[in-house]
């Protein structure tokens, strides 16, 4: 199990850092646009979440926040799956040296 986590850690860290930077830029840019009063009718569905606004800035901030939350949740789900050793043979299919859950 620890091998799975160690092998995937660089990918997870890169994903979290990239999502945080890009999401932060989108969020801060959205706040700036909202303060400046940029307006346009915006309506979209992002990762199953519907959003409608008359402010471009608010829509951009929403995209940044949703993107961060979705990516971080998926990375944490992957970490949890690796910690549980999913993908490893279990039960009757397991060999003599394969860890099994109890």
PDB file of N, CA and C in Angstrom:
ATOM      1  N   UNK A   1       0.817  -1.197   0.000  1.00  0.00           N
ATOM      2  CA  UNK A   1       0.000   0.000   0.000  1.00  0.00           C
ATOM      3  C   UNK A   1       0.857   1.256   0.000  1.00  0.00           C
ATOM      4  N   UNK A   2       1.884   1.272   0.807  1.00  0.00           N
ATOM      5  CA  UNK A   2       2.745   2.443   0.871  1.00  0.00           C
ATOM      6  C   UNK A   2       3.432   2.674  -0.476  1.00  0.00           C
ATOM      7  N   UNK A   3       3.704   1.581  -1.205  1.00  0.00           N
ATOM      8  CA  UNK A   3       4.329   1.719  -2.518  1.00  0.00           C
ATOM      9  C   UNK A   3       3.411   2.457  -3.475  1.00  0.00           C
ATOM     10  N   UNK A   4       2.108   2.153  -3.419  1.00  0.00           N
ATOM     11  CA  UNK A   4       1.140   2.829  -4.277  1.00  0.00           C
ATOM     12  C   UNK A   4       1.120   4.330  -3.993  1.00  0.00           C
ATOM     13  N   UNK A   5       1.125   4.685  -2.729  1.00  0.00           N
ATOM     14  CA  UNK A   5       1.063   6.091  -2.336  1.00  0.00           C
ATOM     15  C   UNK A   5       2.344   6.810  -2.743  1.00  0.00           C
ATOM     16  N   UNK A   6       3.497   6.196  -2.499  1.00  0.00           N
ATOM     17  CA  UNK A   6       4.773   6.818  -2.854  1.00  0.00           C
ATOM     18  C   UNK A   6       4.914   6.996  -4.358  1.00  0.00           C
ATOM     19  N   UNK A   7       4.442   6.027  -5.136  1.00  0.00           N
ATOM     20  CA  UNK A   7       4.559   6.099  -6.588  1.00  0.00           C
ATOM     21  C   UNK A   7       3.673   7.198  -7.179  1.00  0.00           C
ATOM     22  N   UNK A   8       2.509   7.414  -6.595  1.00  0.00           N
ATOM     23  CA  UNK A   8       1.565   8.385  -7.141  1.00  0.00           C
ATOM     24  C   UNK A   8       1.690   9.776  -6.524  1.00  0.00           C
ATOM     25  N   UNK A   9       2.460   9.920  -5.466  1.00  0.00           N
ATOM     26  CA  UNK A   9       2.563  11.200  -4.756  1.00  0.00           C
ATOM     27  C   UNK A   9       2.983  12.368  -5.655  1.00  0.00           C
ATOM     28  N   UNK A  10       3.971  12.217  -6.547  1.00  0.00           N
ATOM     29  CA  UNK A  10       4.335  13.368  -7.390  1.00  0.00           C
ATOM     30  C   UNK A  10       3.195  13.842  -8.291  1.00  0.00           C
ATOM     31  N   UNK A  11       2.408  12.906  -8.813  1.00  0.00           N
ATOM     32  CA  UNK A  11       1.277  13.277  -9.666  1.00  0.00           C
ATOM     33  C   UNK A  11       0.219  14.007  -8.841  1.00  0.00           C
ATOM     34  N   UNK A  12      -0.064  13.508  -7.657  1.00  0.00           N
ATOM     35  CA  UNK A  12      -1.051  14.146  -6.794  1.00  0.00           C
ATOM     36  C   UNK A  12      -0.609  15.551  -6.403  1.00  0.00           C
ATOM     37  N   UNK A  13       0.664  15.686  -6.024  1.00  0.00           N
ATOM     38  CA  UNK A  13       1.169  16.997  -5.619  1.00  0.00           C
ATOM     39  C   UNK A  13       1.114  17.983  -6.770  1.00  0.00           C
ATOM     40  N   UNK A  14       1.509  17.543  -7.956  1.00  0.00           N
ATOM     41  CA  UNK A  14       1.469  18.415  -9.128  1.00  0.00           C
ATOM     42  C   UNK A  14       0.034  18.833  -9.440  1.00  0.00           C
ATOM     43  N   UNK A  15      -0.898  17.897  -9.355  1.00  0.00           N
ATOM     44  CA  UNK A  15      -2.304  18.206  -9.620  1.00  0.00           C
ATOM     45  C   UNK A  15      -2.853  19.229  -8.629  1.00  0.00           C
ATOM     46  N   UNK A  16      -2.555  19.033  -7.362  1.00  0.00           N
ATOM     47  CA  UNK A  16      -3.040  19.958  -6.334  1.00  0.00           C
ATOM     48  C   UNK A  16      -2.437  21.345  -6.529  1.00  0.00           C
ATOM     49  N   UNK A  17      -1.138  21.413  -6.782  1.00  0.00           N
ATOM     50  CA  UNK A  17      -0.481  22.709  -6.960  1.00  0.00           C
ATOM     51  C   UNK A  17      -1.027  23.426  -8.199  1.00  0.00           C
ATOM     52  N   UNK A  18      -1.135  22.710  -9.311  1.00  0.00           N
ATOM     53  CA  UNK A  18      -1.641  23.320 -10.544  1.00  0.00           C
ATOM     54  C   UNK A  18      -3.085  23.788 -10.379  1.00  0.00           C
ATOM     55  N   UNK A  19      -3.921  22.966  -9.740  1.00  0.00           N
ATOM     56  CA  UNK A  19      -5.317  23.346  -9.527  1.00  0.00           C
ATOM     57  C   UNK A  19      -5.419  24.562  -8.622  1.00  0.00           C
ATOM     58  N   UNK A  20      -4.607  24.604  -7.585  1.00  0.00           N
ATOM     59  CA  UNK A  20      -4.644  25.731  -6.659  1.00  0.00           C
ATOM     60  C   UNK A  20      -4.208  27.021  -7.347  1.00  0.00           C
ATOM     61  N   UNK A  21      -3.149  26.951  -8.130  1.00  0.00           N
ATOM     62  CA  UNK A  21      -2.670  28.151  -8.824  1.00  0.00           C
ATOM     63  C   UNK A  21      -3.684  28.629  -9.859  1.00  0.00           C
ATOM     64  N   UNK A  22      -4.132  27.731 -10.733  1.00  0.00           N
ATOM     65  CA  UNK A  22      -5.073  28.126 -11.771  1.00  0.00           C
ATOM     66  C   UNK A  22      -6.414  28.552 -11.182  1.00  0.00           C
ATOM     67  N   UNK A  23      -6.908  27.793 -10.222  1.00  0.00           N
ATOM     68  CA  UNK A  23      -8.170  28.158  -9.574  1.00  0.00           C
ATOM     69  C   UNK A  23      -8.074  29.488  -8.855  1.00  0.00           C
ATOM     70  N   UNK A  24      -6.933  29.737  -8.201  1.00  0.00           N
ATOM     71  CA  UNK A  24      -6.731  31.010  -7.513  1.00  0.00           C
ATOM     72  C   UNK A  24      -6.697  32.183  -8.482  1.00  0.00           C
ATOM     73  N   UNK A  25      -6.015  31.990  -9.628  1.00  0.00           N
ATOM     74  CA  UNK A  25      -5.972  33.041 -10.639  1.00  0.00           C
ATOM     75  C   UNK A  25      -7.375  33.331 -11.165  1.00  0.00           C
ATOM     76  N   UNK A  26      -8.127  32.287 -11.474  1.00  0.00           N
ATOM     77  CA  UNK A  26      -9.497  32.478 -11.957  1.00  0.00           C
ATOM     78  C   UNK A  26     -10.364  33.159 -10.904  1.00  0.00           C
ATOM     79  N   UNK A  27     -10.239  32.722  -9.655  1.00  0.00           N
ATOM     80  CA  UNK A  27     -11.055  33.289  -8.579  1.00  0.00           C
ATOM     81  C   UNK A  27     -10.723  34.770  -8.358  1.00  0.00           C
ATOM     82  N   UNK A  28      -9.429  35.083  -8.252  1.00  0.00           N
ATOM     83  CA  UNK A  28      -9.028  36.482  -8.028  1.00  0.00           C
ATOM     84  C   UNK A  28      -9.383  37.343  -9.247  1.00  0.00           C
ATOM     85  N   UNK A  29      -9.161  36.802 -10.445  1.00  0.00           N
ATOM     86  CA  UNK A  29      -9.560  37.531 -11.659  1.00  0.00           C
ATOM     87  C   UNK A  29     -11.055  37.789 -11.692  1.00  0.00           C
ATOM     88  N   UNK A  30     -11.836  36.820 -11.247  1.00  0.00           N
ATOM     89  CA  UNK A  30     -13.287  36.990 -11.189  1.00  0.00           C
ATOM     90  C   UNK A  30     -13.696  38.064 -10.205  1.00  0.00           C
ATOM     91  N   UNK A  31     -13.034  38.103  -9.062  1.00  0.00           N
ATOM     92  CA  UNK A  31     -13.333  39.136  -8.063  1.00  0.00           C
ATOM     93  C   UNK A  31     -13.018  40.520  -8.636  1.00  0.00           C
ATOM     94  N   UNK A  32     -11.860  40.637  -9.306  1.00  0.00           N
ATOM     95  CA  UNK A  32     -11.471  41.918  -9.906  1.00  0.00           C
ATOM     96  C   UNK A  32     -12.491  42.349 -10.953  1.00  0.00           C
ATOM     97  N   UNK A  33     -12.899  41.421 -11.830  1.00  0.00           N
ATOM     98  CA  UNK A  33     -13.893  41.749 -12.847  1.00  0.00           C
ATOM     99  C   UNK A  33     -15.241  42.129 -12.215  1.00  0.00           C
ATOM    100  N   UNK A  34     -15.622  41.450 -11.143  1.00  0.00           N
ATOM    101  CA  UNK A  34     -16.884  41.773 -10.472  1.00  0.00           C
ATOM    102  C   UNK A  34     -16.826  43.175  -9.869  1.00  0.00           C
ATOM    103  N   UNK A  35     -15.688  43.529  -9.272  1.00  0.00           N
ATOM    104  CA  UNK A  35     -15.534  44.865  -8.689  1.00  0.00           C
ATOM    105  C   UNK A  35     -15.553  45.940  -9.775  1.00  0.00           C
ATOM    106  N   UNK A  36     -14.954  45.626 -10.934  1.00  0.00           N
ATOM    107  CA  UNK A  36     -14.924  46.589 -12.043  1.00  0.00           C
ATOM    108  C   UNK A  36     -16.285  46.735 -12.710  1.00  0.00           C
ATOM    109  N   UNK A  37     -17.184  45.846 -12.415  1.00  0.00           N
ATOM    110  CA  UNK A  37     -18.542  45.958 -12.948  1.00  0.00           C
ATOM    111  C   UNK A  37     -18.752  45.330 -14.308  1.00  0.00           C
ATOM    112  N   UNK A  38     -17.901  44.408 -14.718  1.00  0.00           N
ATOM    113  CA  UNK A  38     -18.088  43.725 -16.003  1.00  0.00           C
ATOM    114  C   UNK A  38     -19.369  42.915 -15.957  1.00  0.00           C
ATOM    115  N   UNK A  39     -20.185  43.063 -16.989  1.00  0.00           N
ATOM    116  CA  UNK A  39     -21.451  42.325 -16.965  1.00  0.00           C
ATOM    117  C   UNK A  39     -21.739  41.710 -18.330  1.00  0.00           C
ATOM    118  N   UNK A  40     -22.298  40.547 -18.287  1.00  0.00           N
ATOM    119  CA  UNK A  40     -22.760  39.808 -19.460  1.00  0.00           C
ATOM    120  C   UNK A  40     -23.525  38.604 -18.930  1.00  0.00           C
ATOM    121  N   UNK A  41     -24.531  38.199 -19.640  1.00  0.00           N
ATOM    122  CA  UNK A  41     -25.326  37.044 -19.217  1.00  0.00           C
ATOM    123  C   UNK A  41     -24.482  35.776 -19.368  1.00  0.00           C
ATOM    124  N   UNK A  42     -24.289  35.065 -18.284  1.00  0.00           N
ATOM    125  CA  UNK A  42     -23.498  33.831 -18.292  1.00  0.00           C
ATOM    126  C   UNK A  42     -24.353  32.699 -17.750  1.00  0.00           C
ATOM    127  N   UNK A  43     -24.359  31.576 -18.471  1.00  0.00           N
ATOM    128  CA  UNK A  43     -25.108  30.399 -18.028  1.00  0.00           C
ATOM    129  C   UNK A  43     -24.360  29.171 -18.531  1.00  0.00           C
ATOM    130  N   UNK A  44     -23.970  28.275 -17.606  1.00  0.00           N
ATOM    131  CA  UNK A  44     -23.226  27.094 -18.007  1.00  0.00           C
ATOM    132  C   UNK A  44     -23.375  25.994 -16.971  1.00  0.00           C
ATOM    133  N   UNK A  45     -22.987  24.781 -17.373  1.00  0.00           N
ATOM    134  CA  UNK A  45     -22.944  23.635 -16.483  1.00  0.00           C
ATOM    135  C   UNK A  45     -21.495  23.175 -16.418  1.00  0.00           C
ATOM    136  N   UNK A  46     -20.955  23.082 -15.198  1.00  0.00           N
ATOM    137  CA  UNK A  46     -19.562  22.716 -15.003  1.00  0.00           C
ATOM    138  C   UNK A  46     -19.496  21.555 -14.024  1.00  0.00           C
ATOM    139  N   UNK A  47     -19.031  20.405 -14.478  1.00  0.00           N
ATOM    140  CA  UNK A  47     -18.950  19.196 -13.645  1.00  0.00           C
ATOM    141  C   UNK A  47     -20.288  18.881 -12.992  1.00  0.00           C
ATOM    142  N   UNK A  48     -21.377  19.063 -13.707  1.00  0.00           N
ATOM    143  CA  UNK A  48     -22.706  18.744 -13.198  1.00  0.00           C
ATOM    144  C   UNK A  48     -23.335  19.836 -12.357  1.00  0.00           C
ATOM    145  N   UNK A  49     -22.648  20.962 -12.181  1.00  0.00           N
ATOM    146  CA  UNK A  49     -23.178  22.070 -11.403  1.00  0.00           C
ATOM    147  C   UNK A  49     -23.615  23.175 -12.358  1.00  0.00           C
ATOM    148  N   UNK A  50     -24.895  23.545 -12.298  1.00  0.00           N
ATOM    149  CA  UNK A  50     -25.407  24.597 -13.172  1.00  0.00           C
ATOM    150  C   UNK A  50     -25.214  25.957 -12.523  1.00  0.00           C
ATOM    151  N   UNK A  51     -24.890  26.947 -13.360  1.00  0.00           N
ATOM    152  CA  UNK A  51     -24.645  28.291 -12.844  1.00  0.00           C
ATOM    153  C   UNK A  51     -25.168  29.311 -13.833  1.00  0.00           C
ATOM    154  N   UNK A  52     -25.771  30.368 -13.326  1.00  0.00           N
ATOM    155  CA  UNK A  52     -26.278  31.456 -14.145  1.00  0.00           C
ATOM    156  C   UNK A  52     -26.007  32.768 -13.425  1.00  0.00           C
ATOM    157  N   UNK A  53     -25.485  33.756 -14.166  1.00  0.00           N
ATOM    158  CA  UNK A  53     -25.151  35.040 -13.562  1.00  0.00           C
ATOM    159  C   UNK A  53     -25.168  36.130 -14.622  1.00  0.00           C
ATOM    160  N   UNK A  54     -25.326  37.359 -14.194  1.00  0.00           N
ATOM    161  CA  UNK A  54     -25.229  38.492 -15.108  1.00  0.00           C
ATOM    162  C   UNK A  54     -23.851  39.155 -15.009  1.00  0.00           C
ATOM    163  N   UNK A  55     -22.970  38.627 -14.161  1.00  0.00           N
ATOM    164  CA  UNK A  55     -21.638  39.179 -13.983  1.00  0.00           C
ATOM    165  C   UNK A  55     -20.589  38.174 -14.454  1.00  0.00           C
ATOM    166  N   UNK A  56     -19.739  38.610 -15.361  1.00  0.00           N
ATOM    167  CA  UNK A  56     -18.658  37.756 -15.850  1.00  0.00           C
ATOM    168  C   UNK A  56     -17.696  37.417 -14.714  1.00  0.00           C
ATOM    169  N   UNK A  57     -17.438  38.379 -13.841  1.00  0.00           N
ATOM    170  CA  UNK A  57     -16.516  38.171 -12.729  1.00  0.00           C
ATOM    171  C   UNK A  57     -16.990  37.099 -11.771  1.00  0.00           C
ATOM    172  N   UNK A  58     -18.269  37.136 -11.452  1.00  0.00           N
ATOM    173  CA  UNK A  58     -18.825  36.125 -10.548  1.00  0.00           C
ATOM    174  C   UNK A  58     -18.756  34.750 -11.198  1.00  0.00           C
ATOM    175  N   UNK A  59     -19.027  34.674 -12.497  1.00  0.00           N
ATOM    176  CA  UNK A  59     -18.952  33.394 -13.206  1.00  0.00           C
ATOM    177  C   UNK A  59     -17.522  32.868 -13.211  1.00  0.00           C
ATOM    178  N   UNK A  60     -16.544  33.746 -13.429  1.00  0.00           N
ATOM    179  CA  UNK A  60     -15.143  33.333 -13.444  1.00  0.00           C
ATOM    180  C   UNK A  60     -14.695  32.863 -12.060  1.00  0.00           C
ATOM    181  N   UNK A  61     -15.095  33.559 -11.018  1.00  0.00           N
ATOM    182  CA  UNK A  61     -14.763  33.147  -9.648  1.00  0.00           C
ATOM    183  C   UNK A  61     -15.399  31.792  -9.344  1.00  0.00           C
ATOM    184  N   UNK A  62     -16.628  31.570  -9.808  1.00  0.00           N
ATOM    185  CA  UNK A  62     -17.308  30.299  -9.606  1.00  0.00           C
ATOM    186  C   UNK A  62     -16.548  29.166 -10.296  1.00  0.00           C
ATOM    187  N   UNK A  63     -16.102  29.396 -11.526  1.00  0.00           N
ATOM    188  CA  UNK A  63     -15.351  28.367 -12.255  1.00  0.00           C
ATOM    189  C   UNK A  63     -14.072  28.009 -11.501  1.00  0.00           C
ATOM    190  N   UNK A  64     -13.352  29.012 -11.007  1.00  0.00           N
ATOM    191  CA  UNK A  64     -12.122  28.760 -10.252  1.00  0.00           C
ATOM    192  C   UNK A  64     -12.377  27.961  -8.985  1.00  0.00           C
ATOM    193  N   UNK A  65     -13.417  28.328  -8.253  1.00  0.00           N
ATOM    194  CA  UNK A  65     -13.727  27.629  -7.002  1.00  0.00           C
ATOM    195  C   UNK A  65     -14.166  26.187  -7.262  1.00  0.00           C
ATOM    196  N   UNK A  66     -15.036  25.980  -8.235  1.00  0.00           N
ATOM    197  CA  UNK A  66     -15.512  24.624  -8.542  1.00  0.00           C
ATOM    198  C   UNK A  66     -14.361  23.754  -9.025  1.00  0.00           C
ATOM    199  N   UNK A  67     -13.504  24.303  -9.873  1.00  0.00           N
ATOM    200  CA  UNK A  67     -12.377  23.536 -10.375  1.00  0.00           C
ATOM    201  C   UNK A  67     -11.466  23.086  -9.234  1.00  0.00           C
ATOM    202  N   UNK A  68     -11.152  23.982  -8.322  1.00  0.00           N
ATOM    203  CA  UNK A  68     -10.317  23.615  -7.175  1.00  0.00           C
ATOM    204  C   UNK A  68     -10.953  22.508  -6.345  1.00  0.00           C
ATOM    205  N   UNK A  69     -12.216  22.666  -6.023  1.00  0.00           N
ATOM    206  CA  UNK A  69     -12.903  21.684  -5.176  1.00  0.00           C
ATOM    207  C   UNK A  69     -12.949  20.316  -5.851  1.00  0.00           C
ATOM    208  N   UNK A  70     -13.299  20.272  -7.117  1.00  0.00           N
ATOM    209  CA  UNK A  70     -13.414  18.992  -7.829  1.00  0.00           C
ATOM    210  C   UNK A  70     -12.055  18.288  -7.908  1.00  0.00           C
ATOM    211  N   UNK A  71     -11.021  19.012  -8.291  1.00  0.00           N
ATOM    212  CA  UNK A  71      -9.708  18.379  -8.433  1.00  0.00           C
ATOM    213  C   UNK A  71      -9.175  17.902  -7.090  1.00  0.00           C
ATOM    214  N   UNK A  72      -9.313  18.721  -6.055  1.00  0.00           N
ATOM    215  CA  UNK A  72      -8.820  18.312  -4.737  1.00  0.00           C
ATOM    216  C   UNK A  72      -9.596  17.104  -4.224  1.00  0.00           C
ATOM    217  N   UNK A  73     -10.918  17.067  -4.422  1.00  0.00           N
ATOM    218  CA  UNK A  73     -11.707  15.903  -3.994  1.00  0.00           C
ATOM    219  C   UNK A  73     -11.278  14.642  -4.727  1.00  0.00           C
ATOM    220  N   UNK A  74     -11.017  14.749  -6.025  1.00  0.00           N
ATOM    221  CA  UNK A  74     -10.615  13.568  -6.795  1.00  0.00           C
ATOM    222  C   UNK A  74      -9.228  13.082  -6.395  1.00  0.00           C
ATOM    223  N   UNK A  75      -8.327  13.994  -6.109  1.00  0.00           N
ATOM    224  CA  UNK A  75      -6.999  13.588  -5.646  1.00  0.00           C
ATOM    225  C   UNK A  75      -7.113  12.895  -4.296  1.00  0.00           C
ATOM    226  N   UNK A  76      -7.914  13.448  -3.392  1.00  0.00           N
ATOM    227  CA  UNK A  76      -8.082  12.818  -2.080  1.00  0.00           C
ATOM    228  C   UNK A  76      -8.740  11.451  -2.191  1.00  0.00           C
ATOM    229  N   UNK A  77      -9.659  11.286  -3.141  1.00  0.00           N
ATOM    230  CA  UNK A  77     -10.270   9.976  -3.376  1.00  0.00           C
ATOM    231  C   UNK A  77      -9.216   8.984  -3.864  1.00  0.00           C
ATOM    232  N   UNK A  78      -8.316   9.437  -4.728  1.00  0.00           N
ATOM    233  CA  UNK A  78      -7.235   8.572  -5.206  1.00  0.00           C
ATOM    234  C   UNK A  78      -6.290   8.182  -4.079  1.00  0.00           C
ATOM    235  N   UNK A  79      -5.981   9.136  -3.207  1.00  0.00           N
ATOM    236  CA  UNK A  79      -5.116   8.844  -2.066  1.00  0.00           C
ATOM    237  C   UNK A  79      -5.782   7.813  -1.164  1.00  0.00           C
ATOM    238  N   UNK A  80      -7.076   7.978  -0.931  1.00  0.00           N
ATOM    239  CA  UNK A  80      -7.813   7.032  -0.096  1.00  0.00           C
ATOM    240  C   UNK A  80      -7.818   5.640  -0.720  1.00  0.00           C
ATOM    241  N   UNK A  81      -8.042   5.565  -2.037  1.00  0.00           N
ATOM    242  CA  UNK A  81      -8.056   4.266  -2.721  1.00  0.00           C
ATOM    243  C   UNK A  81      -6.684   3.607  -2.661  1.00  0.00           C
ATOM    244  N   UNK A  82      -5.630   4.397  -2.830  1.00  0.00           N
ATOM    245  CA  UNK A  82      -4.284   3.826  -2.754  1.00  0.00           C
ATOM    246  C   UNK A  82      -3.968   3.367  -1.338  1.00  0.00           C
ATOM    247  N   UNK A  83      -4.445   4.099  -0.343  1.00  0.00           N
ATOM    248  CA  UNK A  83      -4.216   3.722   1.051  1.00  0.00           C
ATOM    249  C   UNK A  83      -4.929   2.442   1.431  1.00  0.00           C
ATOM    250  N   UNK A  84      -6.054   2.194   0.792  1.00  0.00           N
ATOM    251  CA  UNK A  84      -6.799   0.961   1.061  1.00  0.00           C
ATOM    252  C   UNK A  84      -6.283  -0.199   0.229  1.00  0.00           C
ATOM    253  N   UNK A  85      -5.370   0.092  -0.695  1.00  0.00           N
ATOM    254  CA  UNK A  85      -4.783  -0.970  -1.511  1.00  0.00           C
ATOM    255  C   UNK A  85      -5.726  -1.489  -2.569  1.00  0.00           C
ATOM    256  N   UNK A  86      -6.649  -0.660  -3.056  1.00  0.00           N
ATOM    257  CA  UNK A  86      -7.553  -1.111  -4.105  1.00  0.00           C
ATOM    258  C   UNK A  86      -6.755  -1.449  -5.351  1.00  0.00           C
ATOM    259  N   UNK A  87      -7.179  -2.447  -6.060  1.00  0.00           N
ATOM    260  CA  UNK A  87      -6.453  -2.924  -7.215  1.00  0.00           C
ATOM    261  C   UNK A  87      -5.590  -4.122  -6.884  1.00  0.00           C
ATOM    262  N   UNK A  88      -5.383  -4.400  -5.614  1.00  0.00           N
ATOM    263  CA  UNK A  88      -4.624  -5.560  -5.178  1.00  0.00           C
ATOM    264  C   UNK A  88      -5.587  -6.741  -5.082  1.00  0.00           C
ATOM    265  N   UNK A  89      -5.146  -7.923  -5.509  1.00  0.00           N
ATOM    266  CA  UNK A  89      -6.004  -9.097  -5.430  1.00  0.00           C
ATOM    267  C   UNK A  89      -6.341  -9.398  -3.982  1.00  0.00           C
ATOM    268  N   UNK A  90      -7.574  -9.804  -3.750  1.00  0.00           N
ATOM    269  CA  UNK A  90      -8.021 -10.090  -2.393  1.00  0.00           C
ATOM    270  C   UNK A  90      -8.781 -11.423  -2.357  1.00  0.00           C
ATOM    271  N   UNK A  91      -8.915 -11.925  -1.171  1.00  0.00           N
ATOM    272  CA  UNK A  91      -9.739 -13.119  -0.970  1.00  0.00           C
ATOM    273  C   UNK A  91      -9.146 -14.358  -1.595  1.00  0.00           C
ATOM    274  N   UNK A  92      -9.984 -15.155  -2.300  1.00  0.00           N
ATOM    275  CA  UNK A  92      -9.564 -16.428  -2.861  1.00  0.00           C
ATOM    276  C   UNK A  92      -8.535 -16.269  -3.968  1.00  0.00           C
ATOM    277  N   UNK A  93      -8.548 -15.122  -4.673  1.00  0.00           N
ATOM    278  CA  UNK A  93      -7.603 -14.903  -5.766  1.00  0.00           C
ATOM    279  C   UNK A  93      -6.225 -14.484  -5.273  1.00  0.00           C
ATOM    280  N   UNK A  94      -6.121 -14.150  -4.004  1.00  0.00           N
ATOM    281  CA  UNK A  94      -4.853 -13.652  -3.470  1.00  0.00           C
ATOM    282  C   UNK A  94      -3.848 -14.784  -3.320  1.00  0.00           C
ATOM    283  N   UNK A  95      -2.597 -14.450  -3.617  1.00  0.00           N
ATOM    284  CA  UNK A  95      -1.527 -15.422  -3.452  1.00  0.00           C
ATOM    285  C   UNK A  95      -1.092 -15.463  -1.996  1.00  0.00           C
ATOM    286  N   UNK A  96      -0.107 -16.311  -1.663  1.00  0.00           N
ATOM    287  CA  UNK A  96       0.318 -16.446  -0.264  1.00  0.00           C
ATOM    288  C   UNK A  96       0.985 -15.200   0.286  1.00  0.00           C
ATOM    289  N   UNK A  97       1.568 -14.346  -0.566  1.00  0.00           N
ATOM    290  CA  UNK A  97       2.258 -13.156  -0.084  1.00  0.00           C
ATOM    291  C   UNK A  97       1.454 -11.872  -0.311  1.00  0.00           C
ATOM    292  N   UNK A  98       0.226 -11.995  -0.767  1.00  0.00           N
ATOM    293  CA  UNK A  98      -0.604 -10.829  -1.038  1.00  0.00           C
ATOM    294  C   UNK A  98      -1.379 -10.465   0.219  1.00  0.00           C
ATOM    295  N   UNK A  99      -1.308  -9.172   0.626  1.00  0.00           N
ATOM    296  CA  UNK A  99      -2.070  -8.780   1.825  1.00  0.00           C
ATOM    297  C   UNK A  99      -3.567  -8.857   1.580  1.00  0.00           C
ATOM    298  N   UNK A 100      -4.297  -9.293   2.582  1.00  0.00           N
ATOM    299  CA  UNK A 100      -5.749  -9.374   2.480  1.00  0.00           C
ATOM    300  C   UNK A 100      -6.361  -8.530   3.580  1.00  0.00           C
ATOM    301  N   UNK A 101      -7.570  -8.064   3.335  1.00  0.00           N
ATOM    302  CA  UNK A 101      -8.252  -7.262   4.370  1.00  0.00           C
ATOM    303  C   UNK A 101      -8.901  -8.186   5.370  1.00  0.00           C
ATOM    304  N   UNK A 102      -8.976  -7.732   6.615  1.00  0.00           N
ATOM    305  CA  UNK A 102      -9.593  -8.572   7.638  1.00  0.00           C
ATOM    306  C   UNK A 102     -10.738  -7.852   8.289  1.00  0.00           C
TER     307      UNK A 102
END
